[in-house]
PDB file of N, CA and C in Angstrom:
ATOM      1  N   MET A   1       0.869  -1.384  -0.013  1.00  0.00           N
ATOM      2  CA  MET A   1      -0.029   0.283   0.142  1.00  0.00           C
ATOM      3  C   MET A   1       0.833   1.331   0.229  1.00  0.00           C
ATOM      4  N   LYS A   2       0.679   2.211  -1.630  1.00  0.00           N
ATOM      5  CA  LYS A   2       1.123   3.342  -0.971  1.00  0.00           C
ATOM      6  C   LYS A   2       1.195   4.421  -0.459  1.00  0.00           C
ATOM      7  N   LEU A   3       1.520   5.254   0.301  1.00  0.00           N
ATOM      8  CA  LEU A   3       1.299   5.730   1.358  1.00  0.00           C
ATOM      9  C   LEU A   3       2.026   7.386   0.557  1.00  0.00           C
ATOM     10  N   TYR A   4       0.963   8.446   0.622  1.00  0.00           N
ATOM     11  CA  TYR A   4       1.311   9.931   0.070  1.00  0.00           C
ATOM     12  C   TYR A   4       1.503  10.740   1.405  1.00  0.00           C
ATOM     13  N   SER A   5       2.144  12.150   1.364  1.00  0.00           N
ATOM     14  CA  SER A   5       2.461  12.866   2.243  1.00  0.00           C
ATOM     15  C   SER A   5       1.551  14.166   1.550  1.00  0.00           C
ATOM     16  N   THR A   6       1.192  14.878   2.642  1.00  0.00           N
ATOM     17  CA  THR A   6       0.154  16.240   2.073  1.00  0.00           C
ATOM     18  C   THR A   6       0.793  16.589   1.094  1.00  0.00           C
ATOM     19  N   LYS A   7       2.225  17.072   0.679  1.00  0.00           N
ATOM     20  CA  LYS A   7       2.559  17.581  -0.453  1.00  0.00           C
ATOM     21  C   LYS A   7       2.897  16.469  -1.681  1.00  0.00           C
ATOM     22  N   GLU A   8       2.831  15.179  -1.841  1.00  0.00           N
ATOM     23  CA  GLU A   8       2.583  14.723  -2.506  1.00  0.00           C
ATOM     24  C   GLU A   8       0.904  14.179  -3.015  1.00  0.00           C
ATOM     25  N   ALA A   9       0.170  14.134  -1.982  1.00  0.00           N
ATOM     26  CA  ALA A   9      -1.417  14.118  -2.307  1.00  0.00           C
ATOM     27  C   ALA A   9      -1.694  15.142  -3.259  1.00  0.00           C
ATOM     28  N   ALA A  10      -1.046  16.412  -2.660  1.00  0.00           N
ATOM     29  CA  ALA A  10      -1.407  17.593  -3.683  1.00  0.00           C
ATOM     30  C   ALA A  10      -1.115  17.521  -4.797  1.00  0.00           C
ATOM     31  N   GLU A  11       0.087  17.055  -5.116  1.00  0.00           N
ATOM     32  CA  GLU A  11       0.602  17.067  -6.408  1.00  0.00           C
ATOM     33  C   GLU A  11      -0.461  15.841  -7.508  1.00  0.00           C
ATOM     34  N   TYR A  12      -0.724  14.860  -6.674  1.00  0.00           N
ATOM     35  CA  TYR A  12      -1.019  13.725  -7.126  1.00  0.00           C
ATOM     36  C   TYR A  12      -2.731  14.044  -7.823  1.00  0.00           C
ATOM     37  N   LEU A  13      -3.451  14.569  -6.857  1.00  0.00           N
ATOM     38  CA  LEU A  13      -4.679  15.742  -7.163  1.00  0.00           C
ATOM     39  C   LEU A  13      -4.416  16.791  -7.782  1.00  0.00           C
ATOM     40  N   GLU A  14      -3.443  17.386  -8.242  1.00  0.00           N
ATOM     41  CA  GLU A  14      -3.340  18.361  -8.745  1.00  0.00           C
ATOM     42  C   GLU A  14      -4.178  19.607  -7.902  1.00  0.00           C
ATOM     43  N   LEU A  15      -3.710  19.946  -7.035  1.00  0.00           N
ATOM     44  CA  LEU A  15      -4.168  20.911  -6.111  1.00  0.00           C
ATOM     45  C   LEU A  15      -2.755  21.335  -5.120  1.00  0.00           C
ATOM     46  N   GLY A  16      -3.432  22.396  -4.659  1.00  0.00           N
ATOM     47  CA  GLY A  16      -2.051  23.087  -3.533  1.00  0.00           C
ATOM     48  C   GLY A  16      -2.346  22.467  -2.359  1.00  0.00           C
ATOM     49  N   VAL A  17      -1.277  22.683  -1.936  1.00  0.00           N
ATOM     50  CA  VAL A  17      -1.417  21.886  -0.299  1.00  0.00           C
ATOM     51  C   VAL A  17      -2.308  22.972   0.732  1.00  0.00           C
ATOM     52  N   SER A  18      -2.480  24.154   0.483  1.00  0.00           N
ATOM     53  CA  SER A  18      -3.498  24.697   1.283  1.00  0.00           C
ATOM     54  C   SER A  18      -4.962  24.147   0.719  1.00  0.00           C
ATOM     55  N   ALA A  19      -4.895  23.840  -0.140  1.00  0.00           N
ATOM     56  CA  ALA A  19      -6.429  23.239  -0.620  1.00  0.00           C
ATOM     57  C   ALA A  19      -6.841  21.792  -0.064  1.00  0.00           C
ATOM     58  N   ILE A  20      -5.123  21.016  -0.242  1.00  0.00           N
ATOM     59  CA  ILE A  20      -5.686  19.772   0.553  1.00  0.00           C
ATOM     60  C   ILE A  20      -5.670  20.081   2.079  1.00  0.00           C
ATOM     61  N   LYS A  21      -5.160  21.246   2.540  1.00  0.00           N
ATOM     62  CA  LYS A  21      -5.804  21.563   4.310  1.00  0.00           C
ATOM     63  C   LYS A  21      -7.198  21.943   4.296  1.00  0.00           C
ATOM     64  N   TYR A  22      -7.534  22.791   3.656  1.00  0.00           N
ATOM     65  CA  TYR A  22      -9.084  23.108   3.507  1.00  0.00           C
ATOM     66  C   TYR A  22      -9.923  21.810   3.596  1.00  0.00           C
ATOM     67  N   HIS A  23      -9.704  21.006   2.590  1.00  0.00           N
ATOM     68  CA  HIS A  23     -10.529  19.927   2.346  1.00  0.00           C
ATOM     69  C   HIS A  23     -10.269  18.809   3.889  1.00  0.00           C
ATOM     70  N   ILE A  24      -9.403  19.004   4.111  1.00  0.00           N
ATOM     71  CA  ILE A  24      -8.948  18.021   5.937  1.00  0.00           C
ATOM     72  C   ILE A  24      -9.890  18.962   6.807  1.00  0.00           C
ATOM     73  N   HIS A  25      -9.602  19.779   7.211  1.00  0.00           N
ATOM     74  CA  HIS A  25      -9.990  20.656   8.027  1.00  0.00           C
ATOM     75  C   HIS A  25     -11.353  21.540   7.934  1.00  0.00           C
ATOM     76  N   VAL A  26     -11.977  21.832   7.191  1.00  0.00           N
ATOM     77  CA  VAL A  26     -12.752  22.779   6.838  1.00  0.00           C
ATOM     78  C   VAL A  26     -13.762  22.057   6.089  1.00  0.00           C
ATOM     79  N   ALA A  27     -13.806  21.549   5.151  1.00  0.00           N
ATOM     80  CA  ALA A  27     -14.880  20.747   3.863  1.00  0.00           C
ATOM     81  C   ALA A  27     -15.109  19.450   5.087  1.00  0.00           C
ATOM     82  N   LYS A  28     -13.915  18.925   5.224  1.00  0.00           N
ATOM     83  CA  LYS A  28     -13.924  17.270   6.271  1.00  0.00           C
ATOM     84  C   LYS A  28     -14.254  16.250   4.953  1.00  0.00           C
ATOM     85  N   ASN A  29     -13.616  16.576   3.616  1.00  0.00           N
ATOM     86  CA  ASN A  29     -14.282  15.579   2.797  1.00  0.00           C
ATOM     87  C   ASN A  29     -13.015  14.723   2.618  1.00  0.00           C
ATOM     88  N   LEU A  30     -11.812  14.748   3.278  1.00  0.00           N
ATOM     89  CA  LEU A  30     -10.519  14.152   2.820  1.00  0.00           C
ATOM     90  C   LEU A  30      -9.726  13.749   4.268  1.00  0.00           C
ATOM     91  N   HIS A  31      -9.969  12.422   4.664  1.00  0.00           N
ATOM     92  CA  HIS A  31      -9.658  12.455   5.842  1.00  0.00           C
ATOM     93  C   HIS A  31      -8.284  11.043   5.622  1.00  0.00           C
ATOM     94  N   PRO A  32      -7.342  11.910   6.058  1.00  0.00           N
ATOM     95  CA  PRO A  32      -5.777  11.482   6.000  1.00  0.00           C
ATOM     96  C   PRO A  32      -5.741  10.534   7.273  1.00  0.00           C
ATOM     97  N   LEU A  33      -4.503   9.805   6.820  1.00  0.00           N
ATOM     98  CA  LEU A  33      -4.465   8.869   8.262  1.00  0.00           C
ATOM     99  C   LEU A  33      -3.171   9.234   9.316  1.00  0.00           C
ATOM    100  N   LYS A  34      -3.001   9.324  10.616  1.00  0.00           N
ATOM    101  CA  LYS A  34      -1.890   9.970  11.470  1.00  0.00           C
ATOM    102  C   LYS A  34      -1.265   8.741  11.425  1.00  0.00           C
ATOM    103  N   VAL A  35       0.092   9.300  10.909  1.00  0.00           N
ATOM    104  CA  VAL A  35       1.364   8.463  11.211  1.00  0.00           C
ATOM    105  C   VAL A  35       2.321   9.230  12.007  1.00  0.00           C
ATOM    106  N   GLY A  36       2.741   8.892  13.310  1.00  0.00           N
ATOM    107  CA  GLY A  36       3.285   9.950  14.092  1.00  0.00           C
ATOM    108  C   GLY A  36       2.794  11.042  14.062  1.00  0.00           C
ATOM    109  N   ASN A  37       3.772  11.873  13.565  1.00  0.00           N
ATOM    110  CA  ASN A  37       3.202  13.354  13.660  1.00  0.00           C
ATOM    111  C   ASN A  37       2.995  14.141  11.888  1.00  0.00           C
ATOM    112  N   SER A  38       2.801  12.843  11.178  1.00  0.00           N
ATOM    113  CA  SER A  38       2.686  12.843   9.908  1.00  0.00           C
ATOM    114  C   SER A  38       1.230  12.730   9.281  1.00  0.00           C
ATOM    115  N   LEU A  39       0.446  13.680   8.648  1.00  0.00           N
ATOM    116  CA  LEU A  39      -0.573  13.369   7.960  1.00  0.00           C
ATOM    117  C   LEU A  39      -0.431  12.601   6.322  1.00  0.00           C
ATOM    118  N   VAL A  40      -0.836  11.181   6.312  1.00  0.00           N
ATOM    119  CA  VAL A  40      -0.547  10.674   5.010  1.00  0.00           C
ATOM    120  C   VAL A  40      -1.927   9.960   4.390  1.00  0.00           C
ATOM    121  N   PHE A  41      -1.817   9.657   2.956  1.00  0.00           N
ATOM    122  CA  PHE A  41      -3.127   9.365   2.221  1.00  0.00           C
ATOM    123  C   PHE A  41      -2.613   8.137   1.807  1.00  0.00           C
ATOM    124  N   THR A  42      -3.967   7.291   1.402  1.00  0.00           N
ATOM    125  CA  THR A  42      -3.494   6.004   0.855  1.00  0.00           C
ATOM    126  C   THR A  42      -3.751   6.253  -0.538  1.00  0.00           C
ATOM    127  N   GLN A  43      -3.470   5.465  -1.574  1.00  0.00           N
ATOM    128  CA  GLN A  43      -3.664   5.663  -3.126  1.00  0.00           C
ATOM    129  C   GLN A  43      -5.634   5.398  -2.824  1.00  0.00           C
ATOM    130  N   GLU A  44      -6.178   4.703  -2.570  1.00  0.00           N
ATOM    131  CA  GLU A  44      -7.247   4.293  -2.419  1.00  0.00           C
ATOM    132  C   GLU A  44      -8.173   5.653  -2.131  1.00  0.00           C
ATOM    133  N   GLN A  45      -7.885   6.318  -1.105  1.00  0.00           N
ATOM    134  CA  GLN A  45      -8.475   7.616  -0.630  1.00  0.00           C
ATOM    135  C   GLN A  45      -8.060   8.464  -1.624  1.00  0.00           C
ATOM    136  N   LEU A  46      -7.133   8.886  -2.062  1.00  0.00           N
ATOM    137  CA  LEU A  46      -7.212   9.866  -2.903  1.00  0.00           C
ATOM    138  C   LEU A  46      -7.825   9.667  -4.384  1.00  0.00           C
ATOM    139  N   ASP A  47      -7.871   8.474  -4.777  1.00  0.00           N
ATOM    140  CA  ASP A  47      -8.774   7.975  -5.888  1.00  0.00           C
ATOM    141  C   ASP A  47      -9.852   8.385  -5.395  1.00  0.00           C
ATOM    142  N   GLU A  48     -10.873   7.708  -4.366  1.00  0.00           N
ATOM    143  CA  GLU A  48     -11.982   7.796  -4.292  1.00  0.00           C
ATOM    144  C   GLU A  48     -12.327   9.502  -3.951  1.00  0.00           C
ATOM    145  N   PHE A  49     -11.263  10.140  -3.504  1.00  0.00           N
ATOM    146  CA  PHE A  49     -11.607  11.712  -3.590  1.00  0.00           C
ATOM    147  C   PHE A  49     -11.879  12.349  -4.807  1.00  0.00           C
ATOM    148  N   LYS A  50     -10.913  11.855  -5.531  1.00  0.00           N
ATOM    149  CA  LYS A  50     -10.781  13.018  -6.715  1.00  0.00           C
ATOM    150  C   LYS A  50     -11.948  12.005  -7.934  1.00  0.00           C
ATOM    151  N   ALA A  51     -12.680  10.734  -7.749  1.00  0.00           N
ATOM    152  CA  ALA A  51     -13.559  10.708  -8.552  1.00  0.00           C
ATOM    153  C   ALA A  51     -15.110  11.084  -7.839  1.00  0.00           C
ATOM    154  N   ASN A  52     -14.855  11.728  -6.589  1.00  0.00           N
ATOM    155  CA  ASN A  52     -16.261  11.847  -5.908  1.00  0.00           C
ATOM    156  C   ASN A  52     -16.153  13.864  -5.984  1.00  0.00           C
ATOM    157  N   ARG A  53     -15.201  14.142  -6.331  1.00  0.00           N
ATOM    158  CA  ARG A  53     -15.048  15.879  -6.093  1.00  0.00           C
ATOM    159  C   ARG A  53     -15.669  16.146  -6.927  1.00  0.00           C
ATOM    160  N   ARG A  54     -16.475  17.146  -6.790  1.00  0.00           N
ATOM    161  CA  ARG A  54     -17.041  18.298  -7.967  1.00  0.00           C
ATOM    162  C   ARG A  54     -16.098  19.074  -8.213  1.00  0.00           C
ATOM    163  N   SER A  55     -16.287  19.633  -9.416  1.00  0.00           N
ATOM    164  CA  SER A  55     -15.524  20.429  -9.880  1.00  0.00           C
ATOM    165  C   SER A  55     -15.658  22.022  -9.100  1.00  0.00           C
ATOM    166  N   PRO A  56     -14.887  22.858  -9.103  1.00  0.00           N
ATOM    167  CA  PRO A  56     -15.087  24.202  -8.322  1.00  0.00           C
ATOM    168  C   PRO A  56     -15.955  24.866  -9.342  1.00  0.00           C
ATOM    169  N   GLY A  57     -16.394  25.991  -8.444  1.00  0.00           N
ATOM    170  CA  GLY A  57     -17.164  27.146  -9.506  1.00  0.00           C
ATOM    171  C   GLY A  57     -18.749  26.940  -9.067  1.00  0.00           C
ATOM    172  N   ARG A  58     -19.358  27.649  -9.793  1.00  0.00           N
ATOM    173  CA  ARG A  58     -20.841  27.432 -10.139  1.00  0.00           C
ATOM    174  C   ARG A  58     -20.989  26.311 -11.349  1.00  0.00           C
ATOM    175  N   PRO A  59     -22.399  25.962 -11.362  1.00  0.00           N
ATOM    176  CA  PRO A  59     -22.355  25.025 -12.386  1.00  0.00           C
ATOM    177  C   PRO A  59     -22.062  25.587 -13.476  1.00  0.00           C
ATOM    178  N   ARG A  60     -21.818  24.291 -14.598  1.00  0.00           N
ATOM    179  CA  ARG A  60     -21.248  24.928 -15.831  1.00  0.00           C
ATOM    180  C   ARG A  60     -22.215  25.478 -16.651  1.00  0.00           C
ATOM    181  N   ASN A  61     -22.098  26.147 -17.479  1.00  0.00           N
ATOM    182  CA  ASN A  61     -23.168  26.754 -18.509  1.00  0.00           C
ATOM    183  C   ASN A  61     -23.925  25.924 -19.491  1.00  0.00           C
ATOM    184  N   GLU A  62     -23.645  25.008 -19.623  1.00  0.00           N
ATOM    185  CA  GLU A  62     -24.402  23.989 -20.111  1.00  0.00           C
ATOM    186  C   GLU A  62     -25.271  23.359 -19.508  1.00  0.00           C
ATOM    187  N   GLU A  63     -25.324  23.017 -18.086  1.00  0.00           N
ATOM    188  CA  GLU A  63     -26.323  22.799 -17.046  1.00  0.00           C
ATOM    189  C   GLU A  63     -27.572  24.103 -17.129  1.00  0.00           C
ATOM    190  N   TRP A  64     -26.960  25.360 -16.817  1.00  0.00           N
ATOM    191  CA  TRP A  64     -27.733  26.486 -16.696  1.00  0.00           C
ATOM    192  C   TRP A  64     -29.007  26.578 -17.683  1.00  0.00           C
ATOM    193  N   LYS A  65     -28.257  26.568 -19.164  1.00  0.00           N
ATOM    194  CA  LYS A  65     -29.201  26.479 -20.308  1.00  0.00           C
ATOM    195  C   LYS A  65     -29.962  25.085 -20.387  1.00  0.00           C
ATOM    196  N   GLU A  66     -29.574  23.902 -20.133  1.00  0.00           N
ATOM    197  CA  GLU A  66     -30.447  23.042 -20.123  1.00  0.00           C
ATOM    198  C   GLU A  66     -31.812  23.017 -18.792  1.00  0.00           C
ATOM    199  N   ARG A  67     -31.505  23.821 -18.060  1.00  0.00           N
ATOM    200  CA  ARG A  67     -32.354  24.089 -16.830  1.00  0.00           C
ATOM    201  C   ARG A  67     -33.433  25.067 -17.408  1.00  0.00           C
ATOM    202  N   PHE A  68     -32.837  26.022 -17.838  1.00  0.00           N
ATOM    203  CA  PHE A  68     -33.762  27.201 -18.352  1.00  0.00           C
ATOM    204  C   PHE A  68     -34.266  26.686 -19.587  1.00  0.00           C
ATOM    205  N   ALA A  69     -33.877  26.243 -20.646  1.00  0.00           N
ATOM    206  CA  ALA A  69     -34.694  25.671 -21.704  1.00  0.00           C
ATOM    207  C   ALA A  69     -35.675  24.585 -21.432  1.00  0.00           C
ATOM    208  N   ALA A  70     -35.531  24.118 -20.327  1.00  0.00           N
ATOM    209  CA  ALA A  70     -36.860  22.858 -19.878  1.00  0.00           C
ATOM    210  C   ALA A  70     -37.731  23.769 -19.019  1.00  0.00           C
ATOM    211  N   TYR A  71     -37.229  24.882 -18.446  1.00  0.00           N
ATOM    212  CA  TYR A  71     -38.367  25.688 -17.788  1.00  0.00           C
ATOM    213  C   TYR A  71     -39.166  26.528 -18.791  1.00  0.00           C
ATOM    214  N   LYS A  72     -38.635  27.290 -19.782  1.00  0.00           N
ATOM    215  CA  LYS A  72     -39.426  27.835 -20.875  1.00  0.00           C
ATOM    216  C   LYS A  72     -40.182  27.116 -21.386  1.00  0.00           C
ATOM    217  N   LYS A  73     -40.000  25.587 -21.624  1.00  0.00           N
ATOM    218  CA  LYS A  73     -40.748  24.467 -22.454  1.00  0.00           C
ATOM    219  C   LYS A  73     -41.784  24.245 -21.652  1.00  0.00           C
ATOM    220  N   GLN A  74     -41.812  24.393 -20.137  1.00  0.00           N
ATOM    221  CA  GLN A  74     -42.595  24.123 -19.189  1.00  0.00           C
ATOM    222  C   GLN A  74     -42.747  22.756 -18.834  1.00  0.00           C
ATOM    223  N   GLU A  75     -41.146  22.141 -19.083  1.00  0.00           N
ATOM    224  CA  GLU A  75     -40.840  21.040 -18.709  1.00  0.00           C
ATOM    225  C   GLU A  75     -40.802  20.736 -17.117  1.00  0.00           C
ATOM    226  N   ILE A  76     -40.345  21.777 -16.748  1.00  0.00           N
ATOM    227  CA  ILE A  76     -40.227  21.760 -15.196  1.00  0.00           C
ATOM    228  C   ILE A  76     -41.048  22.970 -14.761  1.00  0.00           C
ATOM    229  N   THR A  77     -41.517  23.052 -13.240  1.00  0.00           N
ATOM    230  CA  THR A  77     -41.842  24.699 -12.807  1.00  0.00           C
ATOM    231  C   THR A  77     -40.895  25.306 -12.250  1.00  0.00           C
ATOM    232  N   PHE A  78     -41.040  26.407 -12.375  1.00  0.00           N
ATOM    233  CA  PHE A  78     -40.438  27.755 -11.788  1.00  0.00           C
ATOM    234  C   PHE A  78     -39.557  26.857 -10.633  1.00  0.00           C
ATOM    235  N   SER A  79     -40.249  26.518  -9.682  1.00  0.00           N
ATOM    236  CA  SER A  79     -39.551  25.992  -8.522  1.00  0.00           C
ATOM    237  C   SER A  79     -38.812  24.869  -8.491  1.00  0.00           C
ATOM    238  N   GLU A  80     -38.843  24.219  -9.497  1.00  0.00           N
ATOM    239  CA  GLU A  80     -37.927  23.010  -9.856  1.00  0.00           C
ATOM    240  C   GLU A  80     -36.520  23.987 -10.342  1.00  0.00           C
ATOM    241  N   PHE A  81     -36.796  24.715 -11.445  1.00  0.00           N
ATOM    242  CA  PHE A  81     -35.743  25.805 -11.749  1.00  0.00           C
ATOM    243  C   PHE A  81     -34.967  26.512 -10.761  1.00  0.00           C
ATOM    244  N   LEU A  82     -35.648  27.212  -9.859  1.00  0.00           N
ATOM    245  CA  LEU A  82     -35.068  27.579  -8.360  1.00  0.00           C
ATOM    246  C   LEU A  82     -34.479  26.854  -7.859  1.00  0.00           C
ATOM    247  N   ALA A  83     -34.855  25.113  -7.323  1.00  0.00           N
ATOM    248  CA  ALA A  83     -34.346  24.655  -6.640  1.00  0.00           C
ATOM    249  C   ALA A  83     -32.693  24.097  -7.057  1.00  0.00           C
ATOM    250  N   PHE A  84     -32.750  24.591  -8.494  1.00  0.00           N
ATOM    251  CA  PHE A  84     -31.448  24.182  -8.825  1.00  0.00           C
ATOM    252  C   PHE A  84     -30.246  25.382  -8.541  1.00  0.00           C
ATOM    253  N   LEU A  85     -30.758  26.813  -8.246  1.00  0.00           N
ATOM    254  CA  LEU A  85     -29.626  27.631  -7.888  1.00  0.00           C
ATOM    255  C   LEU A  85     -29.759  27.457  -6.658  1.00  0.00           C
ATOM    256  N   THR A  86     -28.312  28.587  -6.446  1.00  0.00           N
ATOM    257  CA  THR A  86     -28.006  28.401  -4.805  1.00  0.00           C
ATOM    258  C   THR A  86     -28.928  29.545  -4.160  1.00  0.00           C
ATOM    259  N   GLU A  87     -28.879  29.662  -2.787  1.00  0.00           N
ATOM    260  CA  GLU A  87     -29.693  30.569  -2.403  1.00  0.00           C
ATOM    261  C   GLU A  87     -29.628  32.031  -2.676  1.00  0.00           C
ATOM    262  N   ASP A  88     -28.285  32.284  -2.835  1.00  0.00           N
ATOM    263  CA  ASP A  88     -28.189  33.237  -3.038  1.00  0.00           C
ATOM    264  C   ASP A  88     -28.786  33.740  -4.507  1.00  0.00           C
ATOM    265  N   GLN A  89     -28.599  33.267  -5.594  1.00  0.00           N
ATOM    266  CA  GLN A  89     -29.060  33.148  -6.709  1.00  0.00           C
ATOM    267  C   GLN A  89     -30.523  33.201  -6.931  1.00  0.00           C
ATOM    268  N   GLN A  90     -31.152  32.493  -5.890  1.00  0.00           N
ATOM    269  CA  GLN A  90     -32.600  32.562  -5.439  1.00  0.00           C
ATOM    270  C   GLN A  90     -33.181  33.783  -5.935  1.00  0.00           C
ATOM    271  N   ASN A  91     -32.655  34.432  -4.408  1.00  0.00           N
ATOM    272  CA  ASN A  91     -32.813  35.733  -4.005  1.00  0.00           C
ATOM    273  C   ASN A  91     -32.634  36.645  -5.107  1.00  0.00           C
ATOM    274  N   ARG A  92     -31.650  36.750  -6.127  1.00  0.00           N
ATOM    275  CA  ARG A  92     -31.407  37.703  -6.711  1.00  0.00           C
ATOM    276  C   ARG A  92     -32.385  37.446  -8.110  1.00  0.00           C
ATOM    277  N   VAL A  93     -32.765  36.399  -8.567  1.00  0.00           N
ATOM    278  CA  VAL A  93     -33.859  36.105  -9.441  1.00  0.00           C
ATOM    279  C   VAL A  93     -35.170  36.737  -8.746  1.00  0.00           C
ATOM    280  N   LEU A  94     -35.522  36.284  -7.464  1.00  0.00           N
ATOM    281  CA  LEU A  94     -36.875  36.764  -6.943  1.00  0.00           C
ATOM    282  C   LEU A  94     -37.059  37.950  -6.845  1.00  0.00           C
ATOM    283  N   VAL A  95     -35.768  38.899  -6.772  1.00  0.00           N
ATOM    284  CA  VAL A  95     -35.605  40.174  -6.692  1.00  0.00           C
ATOM    285  C   VAL A  95     -35.829  41.107  -7.615  1.00  0.00           C
ATOM    286  N   ALA A  96     -34.965  40.497  -8.632  1.00  0.00           N
ATOM    287  CA  ALA A  96     -35.575  40.834 -10.189  1.00  0.00           C
ATOM    288  C   ALA A  96     -37.043  40.868 -10.876  1.00  0.00           C
ATOM    289  N   LEU A  97     -37.578  39.652 -10.298  1.00  0.00           N
ATOM    290  CA  LEU A  97     -38.791  39.316 -11.219  1.00  0.00           C
ATOM    291  C   LEU A  97     -39.656  40.418 -10.278  1.00  0.00           C
ATOM    292  N   SER A  98     -39.729  40.632  -9.073  1.00  0.00           N
ATOM    293  CA  SER A  98     -40.498  41.197  -8.347  1.00  0.00           C
ATOM    294  C   SER A  98     -40.499  43.055  -7.965  1.00  0.00           C
ATOM    295  N   GLY A  99     -39.419  43.218  -8.344  1.00  0.00           N
ATOM    296  CA  GLY A  99     -39.006  44.343  -8.467  1.00  0.00           C
ATOM    297  C   GLY A  99     -38.857  45.134  -7.291  1.00  0.00           C
ATOM    298  N   GLN A 100     -38.822  44.582  -5.957  1.00  0.00           N
ATOM    299  CA  GLN A 100     -39.183  44.765  -4.601  1.00  0.00           C
ATOM    300  C   GLN A 100     -38.269  43.605  -3.847  1.00  0.00           C
ATOM    301  N   MET A 101     -38.282  43.996  -2.340  1.00  0.00           N
ATOM    302  CA  MET A 101     -37.584  42.637  -1.460  1.00  0.00           C
ATOM    303  C   MET A 101     -37.789  41.732  -1.729  1.00  0.00           C
ATOM    304  N   HIS A 102     -37.255  40.553  -1.582  1.00  0.00           N
ATOM    305  CA  HIS A 102     -37.761  38.992  -2.129  1.00  0.00           C
ATOM    306  C   HIS A 102     -38.458  38.476  -1.185  1.00  0.00           C
ATOM    307  N   ASP A 103     -38.295  39.182   0.259  1.00  0.00           N
ATOM    308  CA  ASP A 103     -39.047  38.595   1.534  1.00  0.00           C
ATOM    309  C   ASP A 103     -40.604  39.007   1.206  1.00  0.00           C
ATOM    310  N   THR A 104     -40.718  39.546   0.473  1.00  0.00           N
ATOM    311  CA  THR A 104     -42.346  40.120  -0.089  1.00  0.00           C
ATOM    312  C   THR A 104     -43.257  39.492  -0.982  1.00  0.00           C
ATOM    313  N   LEU A 105     -42.020  38.741  -1.884  1.00  0.00           N
ATOM    314  CA  LEU A 105     -42.762  37.367  -2.819  1.00  0.00           C
ATOM    315  C   LEU A 105     -42.287  36.085  -2.679  1.00  0.00           C
ATOM    316  N   THR A 106     -43.741  35.411  -2.270  1.00  0.00           N
ATOM    317  CA  THR A 106     -42.997  33.897  -2.611  1.00  0.00           C
ATOM    318  C   THR A 106     -43.125  33.291  -3.544  1.00  0.00           C
ATOM    319  N   LEU A 107     -42.810  32.442  -3.986  1.00  0.00           N
ATOM    320  CA  LEU A 107     -42.602  31.374  -4.942  1.00  0.00           C
ATOM    321  C   LEU A 107     -44.190  31.102  -5.950  1.00  0.00           C
ATOM    322  N   LYS A 108     -45.208  31.036  -4.731  1.00  0.00           N
ATOM    323  CA  LYS A 108     -46.426  31.030  -5.406  1.00  0.00           C
ATOM    324  C   LYS A 108     -46.695  31.805  -6.049  1.00  0.00           C
ATOM    325  N   GLN A 109     -46.204  33.186  -5.400  1.00  0.00           N
ATOM    326  CA  GLN A 109     -46.808  34.377  -6.090  1.00  0.00           C
ATOM    327  C   GLN A 109     -46.692  34.701  -7.696  1.00  0.00           C
ATOM    328  N   VAL A 110     -45.024  34.373  -7.318  1.00  0.00           N
ATOM    329  CA  VAL A 110     -44.315  34.264  -8.592  1.00  0.00           C
ATOM    330  C   VAL A 110     -45.020  33.253  -9.813  1.00  0.00           C
ATOM    331  N   GLU A 111     -45.321  31.828  -9.304  1.00  0.00           N
ATOM    332  CA  GLU A 111     -45.781  31.251 -10.162  1.00  0.00           C
ATOM    333  C   GLU A 111     -47.458  31.605 -10.629  1.00  0.00           C
ATOM    334  N   GLN A 112     -48.128  31.970  -9.823  1.00  0.00           N
ATOM    335  CA  GLN A 112     -49.368  32.717 -10.279  1.00  0.00           C
ATOM    336  C   GLN A 112     -49.387  33.875 -11.142  1.00  0.00           C
ATOM    337  N   SER A 113     -48.354  34.980 -10.934  1.00  0.00           N
ATOM    338  CA  SER A 113     -48.136  36.082 -12.022  1.00  0.00           C
ATOM    339  C   SER A 113     -47.484  35.424 -12.942  1.00  0.00           C
ATOM    340  N   ARG A 114     -47.001  34.400 -13.164  1.00  0.00           N
ATOM    341  CA  ARG A 114     -46.298  33.806 -14.785  1.00  0.00           C
ATOM    342  C   ARG A 114     -47.659  33.377 -15.228  1.00  0.00           C
ATOM    343  N   ALA A 115     -48.338  32.454 -14.388  1.00  0.00           N
ATOM    344  CA  ALA A 115     -49.458  31.783 -15.187  1.00  0.00           C
ATOM    345  C   ALA A 115     -50.428  33.066 -15.454  1.00  0.00           C
ATOM    346  N   SER A 116     -50.578  33.961 -14.868  1.00  0.00           N
ATOM    347  CA  SER A 116     -51.658  35.055 -15.412  1.00  0.00           C
ATOM    348  C   SER A 116     -50.940  35.545 -16.630  1.00  0.00           C
ATOM    349  N   LYS A 117     -49.565  36.163 -16.593  1.00  0.00           N
ATOM    350  CA  LYS A 117     -49.142  36.704 -18.022  1.00  0.00           C
ATOM    351  C   LYS A 117     -49.152  35.734 -19.058  1.00  0.00           C
ATOM    352  N   GLU A 118     -48.899  34.747 -18.771  1.00  0.00           N
ATOM    353  CA  GLU A 118     -49.219  33.425 -19.927  1.00  0.00           C
ATOM    354  C   GLU A 118     -50.650  33.283 -20.500  1.00  0.00           C
ATOM    355  N   THR A 119     -51.425  33.508 -19.833  1.00  0.00           N
ATOM    356  CA  THR A 119     -53.238  33.597 -20.053  1.00  0.00           C
ATOM    357  C   THR A 119     -53.369  34.970 -20.706  1.00  0.00           C
ATOM    358  N   HIS A 120     -53.090  36.096 -20.133  1.00  0.00           N
ATOM    359  CA  HIS A 120     -52.821  37.357 -21.119  1.00  0.00           C
ATOM    360  C   HIS A 120     -52.341  37.379 -22.216  1.00  0.00           C
ATOM    361  N   GLU A 121     -51.093  36.463 -22.471  1.00  0.00           N
ATOM    362  CA  GLU A 121     -50.192  36.463 -23.621  1.00  0.00           C
ATOM    363  C   GLU A 121     -51.155  35.842 -24.532  1.00  0.00           C
ATOM    364  N   SER A 122     -51.972  34.798 -24.504  1.00  0.00           N
ATOM    365  CA  SER A 122     -52.516  33.886 -25.325  1.00  0.00           C
ATOM    366  C   SER A 122     -53.835  34.236 -25.804  1.00  0.00           C
ATOM    367  N   ALA A 123     -54.177  35.411 -24.859  1.00  0.00           N
ATOM    368  CA  ALA A 123     -55.643  35.849 -25.341  1.00  0.00           C
ATOM    369  C   ALA A 123     -55.790  36.733 -26.154  1.00  0.00           C
TER     370      ALA A 123
END
């Protein structure tokens, strides 16, 4: 069984040492073994981490486009589209749609407003 030091693990995962420390202490999704005063990782641990790690940043543009297209085609509801977004993004969407503070607008009101607009447009 091959063991990797923190530095070697960082090189193997193509991350910085500080990112490895973040995943150990903050995100807690990387669990090293302690040998003496050193932290070490097995090949299996690193491969599992690599396989399960999501890419950094927000979802790729294609995912947004697919979700929005599904919403526009009415394949998913507005609530389902919002569920895909982060809480901050949801708030910004609601503020943009309402033109006022987001806490005064509920999802039900947004969907009712959308349904009302569609009824008027089709008439």
